[in-house]
Amino acid sequence: MKKIKHIVFWFIVIGIILLLFSSHVIAEDVFLRQRQELVNVIKDDVTMTSDFLDQGSLDERVLNAIGKVPRHEFVPDDQRPYAYENRPLSIGYGQTISQPYIVAIMTDLLKPKKTDRVLEVGTGSGYQAAILAELVDSVYSIEIVKELGEQAAENLKKTGYNTVHTRTGDGYYGWETEAPFDGIVVTAVASHIPPPLLKQLKPGGRMIIPVGGQFMMQYLVLVTKDADNNVTTRQILPVRFVPLTGKH
């Protein structure tokens, strides 16, 4: 009798394990399908905004990264059902994870290469850093909100993005000890382009930054530095970001 109960017990345990495994596989399949649908939505949005972007499509490498990175792992649990909608989502502390279309645009404008070292100002939940990590050699990301930075580090570790280096600090001043950078992405709006970031951008490098006021028109701006350290800027399209905070 005891032997039968023992066998029944293990059948139940194995059944529960198989059920949980099956549920996980089904959930991952659903997320994968939603990511592919999101990529198609982004493609359509790029086509509609091609006049602003001066291009009708994005680098396939960027789209592949959007289709691969599990955005649902970078949002709070209560936001998971909306993870693959093409819109910003709250991540707490008055901050948001950017709209995937904007993430894709900013990444594409950076023209990332596999050998690049990129600085990100505003880690947030770590999603933009994860997208970059799919495309470049290493990412250095700064977050001013300590709790968000710690959570982002956990998110990145959990999802295997070990080439992303994070720290807490005022991103306005960049990461001088790791400079210069081939590319810089700023995920919060600034009233001007921070001089420390310009200094830390390599000759031939590119910076993507929203510029404007919290309650004024904001534009995504592409900053390029040529081999002679001459800087040029170009407004890309109107955007809406949370403000870049700090003591500056």
C-alpha atoms as a PDB file:
ATOM      1  CA  MET A   1       0.000   0.000   0.000  1.00  0.00           C
ATOM      2  CA  LYS A   2       2.810   2.388   0.922  1.00  0.00           C
ATOM      3  CA  LYS A   3       4.552   1.564  -2.355  1.00  0.00           C
ATOM      4  CA  ILE A   4       1.394   2.390  -4.341  1.00  0.00           C
ATOM      5  CA  LYS A   5       0.978   5.707  -2.493  1.00  0.00           C
ATOM      6  CA  HIS A   6       4.635   6.505  -3.183  1.00  0.00           C
ATOM      7  CA  ILE A   7       4.191   5.805  -6.892  1.00  0.00           C
ATOM      8  CA  VAL A   8       0.998   7.876  -7.034  1.00  0.00           C
ATOM      9  CA  PHE A   9       2.757  10.742  -5.254  1.00  0.00           C
ATOM     10  CA  TRP A  10       5.562  10.825  -7.818  1.00  0.00           C
ATOM     11  CA  PHE A  11       3.094  10.602 -10.703  1.00  0.00           C
ATOM     12  CA  ILE A  12       1.398  13.705  -9.289  1.00  0.00           C
ATOM     13  CA  VAL A  13       4.721  15.526  -8.860  1.00  0.00           C
ATOM     14  CA  ILE A  14       5.821  14.668 -12.397  1.00  0.00           C
ATOM     15  CA  GLY A  15       2.411  15.730 -13.702  1.00  0.00           C
ATOM     16  CA  ILE A  16       2.687  19.109 -12.004  1.00  0.00           C
ATOM     17  CA  ILE A  17       6.207  19.612 -13.368  1.00  0.00           C
ATOM     18  CA  LEU A  18       5.079  18.732 -16.894  1.00  0.00           C
ATOM     19  CA  LEU A  19       2.084  21.046 -16.576  1.00  0.00           C
ATOM     20  CA  LEU A  20       4.271  23.943 -15.417  1.00  0.00           C
ATOM     21  CA  PHE A  21       6.787  23.263 -18.173  1.00  0.00           C
ATOM     22  CA  SER A  22       4.044  23.126 -20.796  1.00  0.00           C
ATOM     23  CA  SER A  23       2.555  26.391 -19.514  1.00  0.00           C
ATOM     24  CA  HIS A  24       5.986  28.049 -19.705  1.00  0.00           C
ATOM     25  CA  VAL A  25       6.547  26.819 -23.271  1.00  0.00           C
ATOM     26  CA  ILE A  26       3.093  28.034 -24.338  1.00  0.00           C
ATOM     27  CA  ALA A  27       3.686  31.430 -22.722  1.00  0.00           C
ATOM     28  CA  GLU A  28       7.060  31.791 -24.455  1.00  0.00           C
ATOM     29  CA  ASP A  29       5.466  30.900 -27.807  1.00  0.00           C
ATOM     30  CA  VAL A  30       2.833  33.579 -27.233  1.00  0.00           C
ATOM     31  CA  PHE A  31       5.500  36.172 -26.368  1.00  0.00           C
ATOM     32  CA  LEU A  32       7.518  35.213 -29.453  1.00  0.00           C
ATOM     33  CA  ARG A  33       4.469  35.674 -31.681  1.00  0.00           C
ATOM     34  CA  GLN A  34       3.711  39.019 -30.037  1.00  0.00           C
ATOM     35  CA  ARG A  35       7.286  40.194 -30.640  1.00  0.00           C
ATOM     36  CA  GLN A  36       7.007  39.330 -34.329  1.00  0.00           C
ATOM     37  CA  GLU A  37       3.716  41.224 -34.533  1.00  0.00           C
ATOM     38  CA  LEU A  38       5.412  44.170 -32.829  1.00  0.00           C
ATOM     39  CA  VAL A  39       8.191  44.138 -35.431  1.00  0.00           C
ATOM     40  CA  ASN A  40       5.560  44.386 -38.171  1.00  0.00           C
ATOM     41  CA  VAL A  41       3.875  47.311 -36.387  1.00  0.00           C
ATOM     42  CA  ILE A  42       7.235  49.097 -36.133  1.00  0.00           C
ATOM     43  CA  LYS A  43       7.879  48.532 -39.843  1.00  0.00           C
ATOM     44  CA  ASP A  44       4.523  50.143 -40.645  1.00  0.00           C
ATOM     45  CA  ASP A  45       5.258  53.107 -38.341  1.00  0.00           C
ATOM     46  CA  VAL A  46       8.649  53.619 -39.971  1.00  0.00           C
ATOM     47  CA  THR A  47       6.977  53.708 -43.384  1.00  0.00           C
ATOM     48  CA  MET A  48       4.476  56.305 -42.149  1.00  0.00           C
ATOM     49  CA  THR A  49       7.226  58.502 -40.659  1.00  0.00           C
ATOM     50  CA  SER A  50       9.748  58.022 -43.468  1.00  0.00           C
ATOM     51  CA  ASP A  51       9.694  61.744 -44.328  1.00  0.00           C
ATOM     52  CA  PHE A  52      10.943  62.570 -40.813  1.00  0.00           C
ATOM     53  CA  LEU A  53      13.478  59.761 -40.766  1.00  0.00           C
ATOM     54  CA  ASP A  54      14.684  60.271 -44.332  1.00  0.00           C
ATOM     55  CA  GLN A  55      14.493  56.493 -44.778  1.00  0.00           C
ATOM     56  CA  GLY A  56      11.726  53.979 -45.323  1.00  0.00           C
ATOM     57  CA  SER A  57      13.093  51.012 -43.423  1.00  0.00           C
ATOM     58  CA  LEU A  58      15.363  50.050 -40.525  1.00  0.00           C
ATOM     59  CA  ASP A  59      18.454  47.867 -40.373  1.00  0.00           C
ATOM     60  CA  GLU A  60      17.315  44.236 -40.216  1.00  0.00           C
ATOM     61  CA  ARG A  61      19.743  43.683 -37.336  1.00  0.00           C
ATOM     62  CA  VAL A  62      17.816  46.218 -35.271  1.00  0.00           C
ATOM     63  CA  LEU A  63      14.472  44.610 -36.108  1.00  0.00           C
ATOM     64  CA  ASN A  64      15.881  41.184 -35.282  1.00  0.00           C
ATOM     65  CA  ALA A  65      16.953  42.507 -31.874  1.00  0.00           C
ATOM     66  CA  ILE A  66      13.429  43.838 -31.236  1.00  0.00           C
ATOM     67  CA  GLY A  67      12.102  40.419 -32.208  1.00  0.00           C
ATOM     68  CA  LYS A  68      14.484  38.649 -29.840  1.00  0.00           C
ATOM     69  CA  VAL A  69      14.713  40.673 -26.610  1.00  0.00           C
ATOM     70  CA  PRO A  70      11.972  39.639 -24.131  1.00  0.00           C
ATOM     71  CA  ARG A  71      10.416  43.018 -23.312  1.00  0.00           C
ATOM     72  CA  HIS A  72       8.080  41.330 -20.824  1.00  0.00           C
ATOM     73  CA  GLU A  73      11.138  40.623 -18.634  1.00  0.00           C
ATOM     74  CA  PHE A  74      11.842  44.364 -18.406  1.00  0.00           C
ATOM     75  CA  VAL A  75       8.471  45.584 -17.139  1.00  0.00           C
ATOM     76  CA  PRO A  76       6.709  45.172 -13.774  1.00  0.00           C
ATOM     77  CA  ASP A  77       4.413  42.160 -13.441  1.00  0.00           C
ATOM     78  CA  ASP A  78       1.258  44.262 -13.715  1.00  0.00           C
ATOM     79  CA  GLN A  79       2.485  45.620 -17.071  1.00  0.00           C
ATOM     80  CA  ARG A  80       3.353  42.245 -18.615  1.00  0.00           C
ATOM     81  CA  PRO A  81       0.041  41.858 -20.449  1.00  0.00           C
ATOM     82  CA  TYR A  82       0.898  45.054 -22.362  1.00  0.00           C
ATOM     83  CA  ALA A  83       4.620  44.344 -22.888  1.00  0.00           C
ATOM     84  CA  TYR A  84       4.371  44.014 -26.660  1.00  0.00           C
ATOM     85  CA  GLU A  85       2.052  46.896 -27.312  1.00  0.00           C
ATOM     86  CA  ASN A  86       3.793  49.676 -29.200  1.00  0.00           C
ATOM     87  CA  ARG A  87       3.634  52.236 -26.410  1.00  0.00           C
ATOM     88  CA  PRO A  88       5.532  53.390 -23.315  1.00  0.00           C
ATOM     89  CA  LEU A  89       4.833  51.587 -20.035  1.00  0.00           C
ATOM     90  CA  SER A  90       5.279  52.700 -16.442  1.00  0.00           C
ATOM     91  CA  ILE A  91       8.207  51.149 -14.580  1.00  0.00           C
ATOM     92  CA  GLY A  92       7.747  53.111 -11.345  1.00  0.00           C
ATOM     93  CA  TYR A  93       9.490  56.134  -9.779  1.00  0.00           C
ATOM     94  CA  GLY A  94       7.872  58.394 -12.380  1.00  0.00           C
ATOM     95  CA  GLN A  95       9.798  56.680 -15.196  1.00  0.00           C
ATOM     96  CA  THR A  96       8.721  54.761 -18.287  1.00  0.00           C
ATOM     97  CA  ILE A  97      10.070  52.158 -20.649  1.00  0.00           C
ATOM     98  CA  SER A  98      10.126  53.787 -24.082  1.00  0.00           C
ATOM     99  CA  GLN A  99       7.795  52.947 -26.950  1.00  0.00           C
ATOM    100  CA  PRO A 100       9.401  50.093 -28.974  1.00  0.00           C
ATOM    101  CA  TYR A 101       9.169  52.149 -32.172  1.00  0.00           C
ATOM    102  CA  ILE A 102      11.254  54.890 -30.545  1.00  0.00           C
ATOM    103  CA  VAL A 103      13.746  52.329 -29.190  1.00  0.00           C
ATOM    104  CA  ALA A 104      14.115  50.909 -32.690  1.00  0.00           C
ATOM    105  CA  ILE A 105      14.545  54.351 -34.280  1.00  0.00           C
ATOM    106  CA  MET A 106      17.143  55.504 -31.746  1.00  0.00           C
ATOM    107  CA  THR A 107      19.076  52.266 -32.096  1.00  0.00           C
ATOM    108  CA  ASP A 108      19.022  52.408 -35.887  1.00  0.00           C
ATOM    109  CA  LEU A 109      20.187  56.039 -35.969  1.00  0.00           C
ATOM    110  CA  LEU A 110      23.193  55.015 -33.897  1.00  0.00           C
ATOM    111  CA  LYS A 111      24.347  52.765 -36.794  1.00  0.00           C
ATOM    112  CA  PRO A 112      25.713  50.228 -34.299  1.00  0.00           C
ATOM    113  CA  LYS A 113      28.610  47.978 -35.218  1.00  0.00           C
ATOM    114  CA  LYS A 114      29.579  44.727 -33.514  1.00  0.00           C
ATOM    115  CA  THR A 115      32.869  46.259 -32.301  1.00  0.00           C
ATOM    116  CA  ASP A 116      31.272  49.388 -30.781  1.00  0.00           C
ATOM    117  CA  ARG A 117      31.297  50.489 -27.158  1.00  0.00           C
ATOM    118  CA  VAL A 118      28.115  52.421 -26.370  1.00  0.00           C
ATOM    119  CA  LEU A 119      27.078  54.642 -23.482  1.00  0.00           C
ATOM    120  CA  GLU A 120      23.432  54.782 -22.444  1.00  0.00           C
ATOM    121  CA  VAL A 121      22.187  57.583 -20.204  1.00  0.00           C
ATOM    122  CA  GLY A 122      19.048  56.458 -18.396  1.00  0.00           C
ATOM    123  CA  THR A 123      19.031  52.682 -17.872  1.00  0.00           C
ATOM    124  CA  GLY A 124      15.383  52.579 -16.801  1.00  0.00           C
ATOM    125  CA  SER A 125      14.419  48.914 -16.737  1.00  0.00           C
ATOM    126  CA  GLY A 126      17.330  47.834 -18.955  1.00  0.00           C
ATOM    127  CA  TYR A 127      15.378  47.174 -22.171  1.00  0.00           C
ATOM    128  CA  GLN A 128      17.204  49.649 -24.420  1.00  0.00           C
ATOM    129  CA  ALA A 129      20.521  48.378 -23.061  1.00  0.00           C
ATOM    130  CA  ALA A 130      19.503  44.803 -23.905  1.00  0.00           C
ATOM    131  CA  ILE A 131      18.624  45.811 -27.484  1.00  0.00           C
ATOM    132  CA  LEU A 132      22.025  47.487 -27.827  1.00  0.00           C
ATOM    133  CA  ALA A 133      23.779  44.462 -26.335  1.00  0.00           C
ATOM    134  CA  GLU A 134      22.449  42.374 -29.220  1.00  0.00           C
ATOM    135  CA  LEU A 135      24.259  44.672 -31.658  1.00  0.00           C
ATOM    136  CA  VAL A 136      27.496  45.980 -30.102  1.00  0.00           C
ATOM    137  CA  ASP A 137      30.492  44.753 -28.141  1.00  0.00           C
ATOM    138  CA  SER A 138      29.659  46.384 -24.806  1.00  0.00           C
ATOM    139  CA  VAL A 139      27.181  48.793 -23.240  1.00  0.00           C
ATOM    140  CA  TYR A 140      27.792  51.154 -20.306  1.00  0.00           C
ATOM    141  CA  SER A 141      24.530  52.344 -18.783  1.00  0.00           C
ATOM    142  CA  ILE A 142      23.903  54.940 -16.069  1.00  0.00           C
ATOM    143  CA  GLU A 143      20.722  55.337 -14.028  1.00  0.00           C
ATOM    144  CA  ILE A 144      20.175  58.144 -11.525  1.00  0.00           C
ATOM    145  CA  VAL A 145      17.383  56.349  -9.623  1.00  0.00           C
ATOM    146  CA  LYS A 146      19.193  53.804  -7.438  1.00  0.00           C
ATOM    147  CA  GLU A 147      16.261  51.404  -7.127  1.00  0.00           C
ATOM    148  CA  LEU A 148      15.670  51.365 -10.875  1.00  0.00           C
ATOM    149  CA  GLY A 149      19.352  50.807 -11.558  1.00  0.00           C
ATOM    150  CA  GLU A 150      19.418  47.826  -9.215  1.00  0.00           C
ATOM    151  CA  GLN A 151      16.299  46.336 -10.781  1.00  0.00           C
ATOM    152  CA  ALA A 152      17.693  46.881 -14.282  1.00  0.00           C
ATOM    153  CA  ALA A 153      20.908  45.090 -13.323  1.00  0.00           C
ATOM    154  CA  GLU A 154      18.819  42.132 -12.132  1.00  0.00           C
ATOM    155  CA  ASN A 155      16.734  42.154 -15.322  1.00  0.00           C
ATOM    156  CA  LEU A 156      19.851  42.163 -17.499  1.00  0.00           C
ATOM    157  CA  LYS A 157      21.533  39.410 -15.510  1.00  0.00           C
ATOM    158  CA  LYS A 158      18.388  37.254 -15.560  1.00  0.00           C
ATOM    159  CA  THR A 159      18.111  37.554 -19.338  1.00  0.00           C
ATOM    160  CA  GLY A 160      21.809  36.892 -19.960  1.00  0.00           C
ATOM    161  CA  TYR A 161      22.989  40.318 -21.129  1.00  0.00           C
ATOM    162  CA  ASN A 162      26.374  40.178 -19.451  1.00  0.00           C
ATOM    163  CA  THR A 163      28.042  42.720 -21.749  1.00  0.00           C
ATOM    164  CA  VAL A 164      25.975  45.525 -20.180  1.00  0.00           C
ATOM    165  CA  HIS A 165      27.751  47.366 -17.344  1.00  0.00           C
ATOM    166  CA  THR A 166      25.522  49.445 -15.071  1.00  0.00           C
ATOM    167  CA  ARG A 167      26.021  51.993 -12.323  1.00  0.00           C
ATOM    168  CA  THR A 168      24.075  54.627 -10.426  1.00  0.00           C
ATOM    169  CA  GLY A 169      24.954  58.236 -11.172  1.00  0.00           C
ATOM    170  CA  ASP A 170      24.137  61.472 -12.962  1.00  0.00           C
ATOM    171  CA  GLY A 171      24.224  60.598 -16.640  1.00  0.00           C
ATOM    172  CA  TYR A 172      24.657  64.242 -17.654  1.00  0.00           C
ATOM    173  CA  TYR A 173      28.355  63.788 -16.873  1.00  0.00           C
ATOM    174  CA  GLY A 174      28.675  60.488 -18.707  1.00  0.00           C
ATOM    175  CA  TRP A 175      31.098  57.743 -17.677  1.00  0.00           C
ATOM    176  CA  GLU A 176      34.468  59.395 -18.026  1.00  0.00           C
ATOM    177  CA  THR A 177      36.582  56.441 -16.868  1.00  0.00           C
ATOM    178  CA  GLU A 178      35.196  54.286 -19.685  1.00  0.00           C
ATOM    179  CA  ALA A 179      35.219  56.973 -22.400  1.00  0.00           C
ATOM    180  CA  PRO A 180      35.458  57.502 -25.302  1.00  0.00           C
ATOM    181  CA  PHE A 181      32.392  55.827 -26.817  1.00  0.00           C
ATOM    182  CA  ASP A 182      31.498  54.986 -30.402  1.00  0.00           C
ATOM    183  CA  GLY A 183      27.890  55.835 -29.659  1.00  0.00           C
ATOM    184  CA  ILE A 184      25.794  57.492 -26.955  1.00  0.00           C
ATOM    185  CA  VAL A 185      22.048  57.079 -26.386  1.00  0.00           C
ATOM    186  CA  VAL A 186      20.207  59.410 -24.010  1.00  0.00           C
ATOM    187  CA  THR A 187      16.750  58.191 -22.982  1.00  0.00           C
ATOM    188  CA  ALA A 188      15.560  61.356 -21.208  1.00  0.00           C
ATOM    189  CA  VAL A 189      14.985  64.843 -22.568  1.00  0.00           C
ATOM    190  CA  ALA A 190      17.602  67.533 -21.947  1.00  0.00           C
ATOM    191  CA  SER A 191      17.352  71.270 -22.517  1.00  0.00           C
ATOM    192  CA  HIS A 192      20.666  71.121 -24.393  1.00  0.00           C
ATOM    193  CA  ILE A 193      23.292  68.613 -25.471  1.00  0.00           C
ATOM    194  CA  PRO A 194      25.492  67.973 -22.384  1.00  0.00           C
ATOM    195  CA  PRO A 195      29.108  69.068 -23.061  1.00  0.00           C
ATOM    196  CA  PRO A 196      30.563  66.116 -21.067  1.00  0.00           C
ATOM    197  CA  LEU A 197      28.785  63.703 -23.397  1.00  0.00           C
ATOM    198  CA  LEU A 198      30.089  65.502 -26.472  1.00  0.00           C
ATOM    199  CA  LYS A 199      33.593  65.253 -25.046  1.00  0.00           C
ATOM    200  CA  GLN A 200      33.198  61.508 -24.432  1.00  0.00           C
ATOM    201  CA  LEU A 201      31.969  60.803 -27.980  1.00  0.00           C
ATOM    202  CA  LYS A 202      34.688  59.424 -30.252  1.00  0.00           C
ATOM    203  CA  PRO A 203      35.580  61.145 -33.514  1.00  0.00           C
ATOM    204  CA  GLY A 204      33.318  59.469 -36.052  1.00  0.00           C
ATOM    205  CA  GLY A 205      30.798  58.700 -33.303  1.00  0.00           C
ATOM    206  CA  ARG A 206      27.059  59.317 -33.115  1.00  0.00           C
ATOM    207  CA  MET A 207      24.795  60.429 -30.269  1.00  0.00           C
ATOM    208  CA  ILE A 208      20.995  60.180 -30.117  1.00  0.00           C
ATOM    209  CA  ILE A 209      19.326  62.513 -27.629  1.00  0.00           C
ATOM    210  CA  PRO A 210      15.896  64.088 -27.135  1.00  0.00           C
ATOM    211  CA  VAL A 211      16.250  67.864 -26.739  1.00  0.00           C
ATOM    212  CA  GLY A 212      13.610  70.316 -25.525  1.00  0.00           C
ATOM    213  CA  GLY A 213      11.606  71.089 -22.395  1.00  0.00           C
ATOM    214  CA  GLN A 214       9.377  68.944 -20.221  1.00  0.00           C
ATOM    215  CA  PHE A 215       6.341  71.052 -21.170  1.00  0.00           C
ATOM    216  CA  MET A 216       7.661  72.274 -24.529  1.00  0.00           C
ATOM    217  CA  MET A 217       8.276  70.731 -27.939  1.00  0.00           C
ATOM    218  CA  GLN A 218      10.879  67.980 -27.850  1.00  0.00           C
ATOM    219  CA  TYR A 219      12.829  66.652 -30.804  1.00  0.00           C
ATOM    220  CA  LEU A 220      14.963  63.575 -31.224  1.00  0.00           C
ATOM    221  CA  VAL A 221      18.348  64.916 -32.291  1.00  0.00           C
ATOM    222  CA  LEU A 222      21.150  63.084 -34.060  1.00  0.00           C
ATOM    223  CA  VAL A 223      24.592  64.389 -33.120  1.00  0.00           C
ATOM    224  CA  THR A 224      27.620  63.391 -35.192  1.00  0.00           C
ATOM    225  CA  LYS A 225      31.286  64.114 -34.642  1.00  0.00           C
ATOM    226  CA  ASP A 226      33.664  63.881 -37.596  1.00  0.00           C
ATOM    227  CA  ALA A 227      37.308  62.849 -37.629  1.00  0.00           C
ATOM    228  CA  ASP A 228      38.346  66.450 -36.879  1.00  0.00           C
ATOM    229  CA  ASN A 229      35.997  66.685 -33.864  1.00  0.00           C
ATOM    230  CA  ASN A 230      33.563  68.948 -35.726  1.00  0.00           C
ATOM    231  CA  VAL A 231      30.029  68.438 -34.421  1.00  0.00           C
ATOM    232  CA  THR A 232      26.835  68.577 -36.465  1.00  0.00           C
ATOM    233  CA  THR A 233      23.226  68.096 -35.340  1.00  0.00           C
ATOM    234  CA  ARG A 234      20.021  67.127 -37.110  1.00  0.00           C
ATOM    235  CA  GLN A 235      16.460  67.137 -35.798  1.00  0.00           C
ATOM    236  CA  ILE A 236      14.759  63.852 -36.590  1.00  0.00           C
ATOM    237  CA  LEU A 237      11.176  63.882 -35.281  1.00  0.00           C
ATOM    238  CA  PRO A 238       9.052  65.204 -32.416  1.00  0.00           C
ATOM    239  CA  VAL A 239       9.046  62.978 -29.305  1.00  0.00           C
ATOM    240  CA  ARG A 240       7.959  62.947 -25.658  1.00  0.00           C
ATOM    241  CA  PHE A 241      10.399  61.857 -22.924  1.00  0.00           C
ATOM    242  CA  VAL A 242      10.687  62.234 -19.174  1.00  0.00           C
ATOM    243  CA  PRO A 243      13.262  64.880 -18.144  1.00  0.00           C
ATOM    244  CA  LEU A 244      16.954  64.217 -17.598  1.00  0.00           C
ATOM    245  CA  THR A 245      17.392  64.805 -13.863  1.00  0.00           C
ATOM    246  CA  GLY A 246      20.441  65.574 -11.734  1.00  0.00           C
ATOM    247  CA  LYS A 247      22.338  68.432 -10.132  1.00  0.00           C
ATOM    248  CA  HIS A 248      23.387  69.986 -13.431  1.00  0.00           C
END
